Amino acid sequence: MDKQRDGQIGVVAALVRSAFLVNAVYAESGREHGLTPQQGQLLCVLMPQPYGMGELGAMLGLAKSSLTGLVDRTERNGLVRREPDPRDTRAVRVALTPHGSKLAAEFYDETCRRVEKLLAGVDATERDTIARLLGRVVLDNKVPVVFMELDAPQH
């Protein structure tokens, strides 16, 4: 039987295609909030606390020059600010502004809602299995926490 027609695909294809699916949702939420996908990622990373530029670069997988440009553009839009790092007077941390914090929460909530809709045909037991297995893959590969599990809507 053809796996594709049976609703089955291999694990590699499933992971890659699900990444594309989630990225498309992320981009769509971003567009509706006036954010690029990278700005959306930056805002989500900063939701729990400010981070230094080095930490942000590692979390987002960006070179220093790319990160600087991203922070510059996001700062010009009034969503983040640079502030002195209390542990190192030579360094700065990037923090959300009040407007950035509000937009980050709206973007986060909308993105969670849309990703939840992707699982509409999956029952609770299957959802738990997906979460457990993907969680293990993420933890085993030491993926930085770029999208926190806050009080996301659960169905």
Protein backbone atom coordinates (compact mmCIF):
# COMPACT_ATOMS: atom_id res chain seq x y z
CA MET A 1 0.00 0.00 0.00
CA ASP A 2 1.27 3.51 -0.82
CA LYS A 3 2.21 5.18 2.46
CA GLN A 4 1.35 8.64 1.11
CA ARG A 5 -2.23 7.66 0.23
CA ASP A 6 -2.61 5.83 3.54
CA GLY A 7 -1.88 9.08 5.40
CA GLN A 8 1.56 7.83 6.41
CA ILE A 9 4.87 9.45 5.57
CA GLY A 10 8.34 8.76 6.88
CA VAL A 11 9.64 10.46 10.01
CA VAL A 12 12.14 12.67 8.17
CA ALA A 13 9.54 13.92 5.69
CA ALA A 14 7.01 14.36 8.51
CA LEU A 15 9.42 16.48 10.58
CA VAL A 16 10.54 18.60 7.63
CA ARG A 17 7.02 19.14 6.35
CA SER A 18 5.70 19.95 9.83
CA ALA A 19 8.48 22.52 10.22
CA PHE A 20 7.33 24.16 6.97
CA LEU A 21 3.74 24.07 8.22
CA VAL A 22 4.58 25.73 11.54
CA ASN A 23 6.85 28.27 9.84
CA ALA A 24 3.99 29.23 7.51
CA VAL A 25 1.68 29.76 10.50
CA TYR A 26 4.38 31.81 12.22
CA ALA A 27 4.88 33.98 9.11
CA GLU A 28 1.12 34.49 8.69
CA SER A 29 0.70 35.55 12.33
CA GLY A 30 3.67 37.87 11.93
CA ARG A 31 2.28 39.54 8.82
CA GLU A 32 -1.01 40.21 10.58
CA HIS A 33 0.89 41.86 13.43
CA GLY A 34 3.27 43.81 11.18
CA LEU A 35 6.25 41.61 12.08
CA THR A 36 8.74 39.66 10.06
CA PRO A 37 9.16 36.04 11.21
CA GLN A 38 12.54 37.00 12.70
CA GLN A 39 11.02 39.90 14.64
CA GLY A 40 8.31 37.56 15.91
CA GLN A 41 10.99 35.13 17.09
CA LEU A 42 12.89 37.93 18.80
CA LEU A 43 9.80 39.16 20.63
CA CYS A 44 8.90 35.64 21.77
CA VAL A 45 12.43 35.01 23.03
CA LEU A 46 12.34 38.26 25.02
CA MET A 47 8.92 37.64 26.60
CA PRO A 48 10.24 36.09 29.82
CA GLN A 49 13.28 38.37 30.29
CA PRO A 50 15.88 40.57 28.59
CA TYR A 51 18.94 38.88 27.06
CA GLY A 52 22.40 39.97 26.05
CA MET A 53 23.32 40.14 22.41
CA GLY A 54 25.56 37.06 22.65
CA GLU A 55 22.78 35.01 24.23
CA LEU A 56 20.29 36.19 21.60
CA GLY A 57 22.66 35.34 18.76
CA ALA A 58 23.09 31.80 20.10
CA MET A 59 19.36 31.29 20.71
CA LEU A 60 18.29 32.60 17.31
CA GLY A 61 21.23 31.13 15.41
CA LEU A 62 22.22 34.52 13.98
CA ALA A 63 25.62 36.03 13.27
CA LYS A 64 26.45 39.20 15.18
CA SER A 65 25.85 41.49 12.19
CA SER A 66 22.49 39.89 11.37
CA LEU A 67 21.36 40.11 14.98
CA THR A 68 22.45 43.75 15.22
CA GLY A 69 20.39 44.60 12.13
CA LEU A 70 17.36 42.72 13.50
CA VAL A 71 17.58 44.49 16.86
CA ASP A 72 18.12 47.87 15.15
CA ARG A 73 15.01 47.45 12.98
CA THR A 74 12.90 46.18 15.87
CA GLU A 75 14.14 49.03 18.08
CA ARG A 76 13.23 51.61 15.40
CA ASN A 77 9.70 50.17 15.47
CA GLY A 78 9.55 50.84 19.22
CA LEU A 79 9.29 47.17 20.19
CA VAL A 80 12.63 46.63 21.96
CA ARG A 81 15.21 48.76 23.70
CA ARG A 82 18.85 48.30 24.56
CA GLU A 83 19.69 48.67 28.24
CA PRO A 84 22.93 48.38 30.21
CA ASP A 85 23.81 44.90 31.41
CA PRO A 86 24.08 45.09 35.21
CA ARG A 87 26.67 42.27 35.20
CA ASP A 88 28.93 43.79 32.53
CA THR A 89 29.20 47.53 31.99
CA ARG A 90 30.57 47.00 28.46
CA ALA A 91 27.56 44.97 27.33
CA VAL A 92 23.91 45.68 26.63
CA ARG A 93 20.80 43.62 27.02
CA VAL A 94 17.78 43.76 24.75
CA ALA A 95 14.41 44.13 26.45
CA LEU A 96 10.83 44.53 25.28
CA THR A 97 9.27 47.98 25.50
CA PRO A 98 5.72 48.18 26.87
CA HIS A 99 4.43 48.31 23.27
CA GLY A 100 6.69 45.38 22.32
CA SER A 101 5.49 43.38 25.31
CA LYS A 102 1.84 43.91 24.35
CA LEU A 103 2.49 43.01 20.70
CA ALA A 104 4.57 39.97 21.71
CA ALA A 105 1.69 38.65 23.85
CA GLU A 106 -0.82 39.19 21.03
CA PHE A 107 1.49 37.53 18.49
CA TYR A 108 2.23 34.63 20.85
CA ASP A 109 -1.46 34.01 21.63
CA GLU A 110 -2.45 34.15 17.96
CA THR A 111 0.39 31.86 16.90
CA CYS A 112 -0.51 29.34 19.62
CA ARG A 113 -4.16 29.43 18.53
CA ARG A 114 -3.21 28.77 14.90
CA VAL A 115 -0.78 25.98 15.72
CA GLU A 116 -3.44 24.38 17.93
CA LYS A 117 -5.80 24.39 14.93
CA LEU A 118 -3.27 22.29 13.02
CA LEU A 119 -4.00 19.49 15.50
CA ALA A 120 -7.79 19.62 15.18
CA GLY A 121 -7.98 16.03 13.91
CA VAL A 122 -5.74 14.60 16.64
CA ASP A 123 -7.25 13.20 19.85
CA ALA A 124 -5.88 13.89 23.34
CA THR A 125 -3.89 10.67 23.60
CA GLU A 126 -2.25 11.26 20.21
CA ARG A 127 -1.49 14.87 21.19
CA ASP A 128 0.24 13.67 24.37
CA THR A 129 2.29 11.20 22.32
CA ILE A 130 3.27 13.88 19.80
CA ALA A 131 4.25 16.28 22.62
CA ARG A 132 6.27 13.61 24.43
CA LEU A 133 8.16 12.46 21.34
CA LEU A 134 8.83 15.90 19.87
CA GLY A 135 9.75 17.18 23.33
CA ARG A 136 12.35 14.44 23.59
CA VAL A 137 13.78 15.31 20.15
CA VAL A 138 13.97 19.00 21.12
CA LEU A 139 15.62 18.30 24.49
CA ASP A 140 18.03 15.68 23.11
CA ASN A 141 19.19 18.21 20.51
CA LYS A 142 19.45 21.07 23.04
CA VAL A 143 17.19 23.38 21.03
CA PRO A 144 17.22 26.85 22.65
CA VAL A 145 13.98 28.01 24.24
CA VAL A 146 12.81 30.31 21.45
CA PHE A 147 9.12 29.77 22.07
CA MET A 148 8.19 29.34 25.72
CA GLU A 149 5.28 27.33 26.95
CA LEU A 150 3.34 30.06 28.72
CA ASP A 151 -0.36 29.88 29.31
CA ALA A 152 -1.05 28.81 25.74
CA PRO A 153 -4.60 27.90 24.85
CA GLN A 154 -5.14 24.15 25.21
CA HIS A 155 -7.93 22.18 23.55
